[in-house]
C-alpha cells in the first residue's frame, strides 16, 4: 500500500471515529494501524485499529471497519499461559455483522468477500447495533463485516497476541503493521 492510499484510508478512519464520538490523542491518531492481512484487498478485507493498552492480562482496542469491509475468519487458540484470547466486541457506530461457529443462520445478511467464500466457515449471525456487545470465547472461529456506513467497535479482551491468531485463509500472512 502506498503512502497516498494509507493517508486516504486513515482520513476515512478518523471520520468514523469522530462519528462514534471516539476522542483520540494526536499520538493515537498517528498510531492508527491499517492491516490488509497481506491480501492487498483493503477495500474488501482489512481492519484499522488503535491499541489503548495491552498488558499481560488485559487489552483494549478501538476497531474501525470501512463500509462493507471484512475482518477475515480466525480464532484465538490456546497459548502457553491461557486457553486463548477472550474478547468482547461493543458496537459504537454503524452496524457490525458478526459470524461465529454454531448453527448457520438461514438467510444471513452478509456474505464473505466475493471470491474468498471458500475461506469462511462460521455462519451463525449476530448483528450488533450501537450499544450492543457480544463476547467471543477462546478458540472460537469468527469473522465480522461492517454495514454500509462502516463501523466502529470497541474491543475488550484478555492479552492480545495477534501473531498467534489462526486464520482459515492460508493466504493471510502476518506482515508488519502499517502505520504512518
Protein backbone atom coordinates (compact mmCIF):
# COMPACT_ATOMS: atom_id res chain seq x y z
CA UNK A 1 0.00 0.00 0.00
CA UNK A 2 1.45 3.33 -0.96
CA UNK A 3 1.51 6.42 1.25
CA UNK A 4 -1.35 8.11 -0.64
CA UNK A 5 -3.65 5.10 -0.13
CA UNK A 6 -2.62 4.86 3.51
CA UNK A 7 -3.46 8.53 4.11
CA UNK A 8 -6.81 8.15 2.30
CA UNK A 9 -7.81 5.23 4.50
CA UNK A 10 -6.55 6.94 7.63
CA UNK A 11 -8.71 10.00 6.87
CA UNK A 12 -11.79 7.77 6.48
CA UNK A 13 -10.96 6.01 9.75
CA UNK A 14 -10.66 9.31 11.59
CA UNK A 15 -14.08 10.29 10.21
CA UNK A 16 -15.54 7.02 11.52
CA UNK A 17 -14.01 7.56 14.96
CA UNK A 18 -15.43 11.11 15.01
CA UNK A 19 -18.91 9.79 14.11
CA UNK A 20 -18.62 7.35 17.01
CA UNK A 21 -17.55 10.18 19.35
CA UNK A 22 -14.22 8.45 19.98
CA UNK A 23 -11.74 11.03 21.13
CA UNK A 24 -8.13 10.26 20.26
CA UNK A 25 -4.92 11.99 21.23
CA UNK A 26 -2.64 13.25 18.49
CA UNK A 27 -0.28 10.36 19.24
CA UNK A 28 -3.13 7.85 18.87
CA UNK A 29 -4.16 9.43 15.56
CA UNK A 30 -0.59 8.97 14.33
CA UNK A 31 -0.55 5.37 15.61
CA UNK A 32 -3.53 4.08 13.65
CA UNK A 33 -2.73 0.63 12.33
CA UNK A 34 -4.01 -0.50 8.96
CA UNK A 35 -4.00 -4.25 8.43
CA UNK A 36 -4.60 -5.69 4.98
CA UNK A 37 -3.56 -9.18 6.11
CA UNK A 38 -1.16 -9.43 3.18
CA UNK A 39 -4.05 -9.77 0.71
CA UNK A 40 -3.82 -6.27 -0.82
CA UNK A 41 -7.64 -6.07 -0.90
CA UNK A 42 -8.10 -3.43 1.80
CA UNK A 43 -11.48 -2.27 0.48
CA UNK A 44 -12.91 -5.78 0.99
CA UNK A 45 -10.67 -7.35 3.63
CA UNK A 46 -8.90 -5.36 6.30
CA UNK A 47 -9.06 -3.73 9.69
CA UNK A 48 -7.96 -0.40 11.12
CA UNK A 49 -7.28 -0.04 14.81
CA UNK A 50 -5.83 1.73 17.79
CA UNK A 51 -4.50 -0.23 20.75
CA UNK A 52 -5.05 1.67 24.00
CA UNK A 53 -3.50 -0.91 26.30
CA UNK A 54 -2.14 -4.45 26.01
CA UNK A 55 -0.71 -5.82 29.24
CA UNK A 56 -0.03 -9.34 30.50
CA UNK A 57 -3.72 -9.59 31.49
CA UNK A 58 -5.91 -7.15 29.52
CA UNK A 59 -6.20 -5.41 26.19
CA UNK A 60 -8.39 -2.59 24.90
CA UNK A 61 -8.62 -1.55 21.26
CA UNK A 62 -10.78 0.58 19.02
CA UNK A 63 -11.51 -1.10 15.68
CA UNK A 64 -12.73 0.69 12.55
CA UNK A 65 -14.19 -1.02 9.50
CA UNK A 66 -14.79 0.80 6.24
CA UNK A 67 -18.19 0.27 4.56
CA UNK A 68 -18.65 -3.46 3.86
CA UNK A 69 -15.08 -4.21 4.94
CA UNK A 70 -14.48 -7.68 6.44
CA UNK A 71 -12.09 -8.79 9.16
CA UNK A 72 -11.31 -12.34 7.96
CA UNK A 73 -12.24 -15.54 9.73
CA UNK A 74 -9.86 -16.50 12.52
CA UNK A 75 -9.64 -17.87 16.03
CA UNK A 76 -7.53 -17.25 19.10
CA UNK A 77 -6.06 -20.66 20.05
CA UNK A 78 -4.73 -21.77 23.42
CA UNK A 79 -1.47 -20.14 24.38
CA UNK A 80 1.12 -21.28 26.89
CA UNK A 81 -0.36 -19.00 29.53
CA UNK A 82 -4.14 -19.40 28.93
CA UNK A 83 -6.93 -21.03 26.88
CA UNK A 84 -6.68 -18.34 24.20
CA UNK A 85 -7.80 -14.76 23.88
CA UNK A 86 -11.34 -13.97 25.03
CA UNK A 87 -12.77 -10.78 23.58
CA UNK A 88 -15.88 -8.67 23.89
CA UNK A 89 -16.92 -6.50 20.96
CA UNK A 90 -19.10 -3.47 21.69
CA UNK A 91 -20.52 -1.64 18.69
CA UNK A 92 -20.05 2.13 18.92
CA UNK A 93 -21.13 3.23 15.44
CA UNK A 94 -22.74 1.63 12.40
CA UNK A 95 -23.80 -1.99 12.24
CA UNK A 96 -21.49 -4.96 12.72
CA UNK A 97 -22.36 -8.37 11.33
CA UNK A 98 -20.50 -10.90 13.45
CA UNK A 99 -20.30 -14.56 12.41
CA UNK A 100 -19.31 -17.30 14.84
CA UNK A 101 -19.25 -21.07 14.97
CA UNK A 102 -22.61 -22.73 15.51
CA UNK A 103 -25.76 -23.42 13.56
CA UNK A 104 -25.68 -21.33 10.39
CA UNK A 105 -28.23 -18.53 10.17
CA UNK A 106 -30.61 -19.06 7.29
CA UNK A 107 -30.80 -16.04 5.00
CA UNK A 108 -27.88 -14.30 6.68
CA UNK A 109 -27.44 -10.61 5.98
CA UNK A 110 -23.83 -10.57 4.81
CA UNK A 111 -21.54 -12.83 2.84
CA UNK A 112 -17.76 -13.21 2.77
CA UNK A 113 -15.85 -11.06 0.29
CA UNK A 114 -16.52 -12.14 -3.28
CA UNK A 115 -14.03 -14.73 -4.47
CA UNK A 116 -12.96 -15.64 -0.94
CA UNK A 117 -16.01 -17.68 0.11
CA UNK A 118 -14.03 -20.91 0.49
CA UNK A 119 -12.12 -19.40 3.42
CA UNK A 120 -15.22 -18.79 5.56
CA UNK A 121 -16.95 -21.49 7.58
CA UNK A 122 -18.64 -19.78 10.55
CA UNK A 123 -22.12 -18.54 9.68
CA UNK A 124 -24.08 -18.09 12.91
CA UNK A 125 -25.03 -14.41 12.57
CA UNK A 126 -25.04 -11.92 15.42
CA UNK A 127 -25.94 -8.35 14.48
CA UNK A 128 -24.60 -5.60 16.71
CA UNK A 129 -26.02 -2.10 16.71
CA UNK A 130 -24.54 0.82 18.69
CA UNK A 131 -24.54 0.00 22.39
CA UNK A 132 -24.79 -3.77 21.87
CA UNK A 133 -21.99 -6.21 22.58
CA UNK A 134 -21.01 -9.84 22.27
CA UNK A 135 -18.31 -11.92 23.95
CA UNK A 136 -16.31 -14.38 21.87
CA UNK A 137 -14.71 -17.16 23.84
CA UNK A 138 -11.22 -18.56 23.18
CA UNK A 139 -10.60 -20.79 20.18
CA UNK A 140 -13.91 -19.83 18.50
CA UNK A 141 -13.84 -19.20 14.76
CA UNK A 142 -15.28 -15.78 13.96
CA UNK A 143 -15.28 -13.01 11.39
CA UNK A 144 -17.10 -9.73 11.09
CA UNK A 145 -18.17 -7.22 8.50
CA UNK A 146 -19.39 -3.63 8.58
CA UNK A 147 -22.61 -2.44 7.05
CA UNK A 148 -22.86 0.37 4.53
CA UNK A 149 -21.92 3.15 6.97
CA UNK A 150 -18.77 1.45 8.15
CA UNK A 151 -18.45 0.62 11.83
CA UNK A 152 -16.53 1.33 14.99
CA UNK A 153 -16.15 -1.42 17.59
CA UNK A 154 -14.52 -1.29 20.99
CA UNK A 155 -12.69 -4.50 21.82
CA UNK A 156 -12.04 -5.51 25.42
CA UNK A 157 -10.06 -8.71 25.81
CA UNK A 158 -7.50 -10.72 27.59
CA UNK A 159 -3.92 -10.13 26.46
CA UNK A 160 -3.63 -9.80 22.69
CA UNK A 161 -1.02 -11.81 20.83
CA UNK A 162 -2.03 -11.19 17.22
CA UNK A 163 0.85 -13.30 15.94
CA UNK A 164 -0.79 -16.41 17.43
CA UNK A 165 -4.16 -15.94 15.64
CA UNK A 166 -5.07 -18.75 13.26
CA UNK A 167 -6.76 -17.69 10.03
CA UNK A 168 -8.88 -20.01 7.90
CA UNK A 169 -7.41 -18.42 4.76
CA UNK A 170 -3.86 -19.81 4.27
CA UNK A 171 -3.00 -16.83 2.03
CA UNK A 172 -3.08 -14.49 5.03
CA UNK A 173 0.39 -13.57 6.13
CA UNK A 174 1.21 -11.88 9.38
CA UNK A 175 3.04 -8.88 7.98
CA UNK A 176 4.32 -5.84 9.81
CA UNK A 177 1.50 -3.47 10.66
CA UNK A 178 1.27 -0.38 8.53
CA UNK A 179 1.31 2.89 10.46
CA UNK A 180 2.06 6.42 9.48
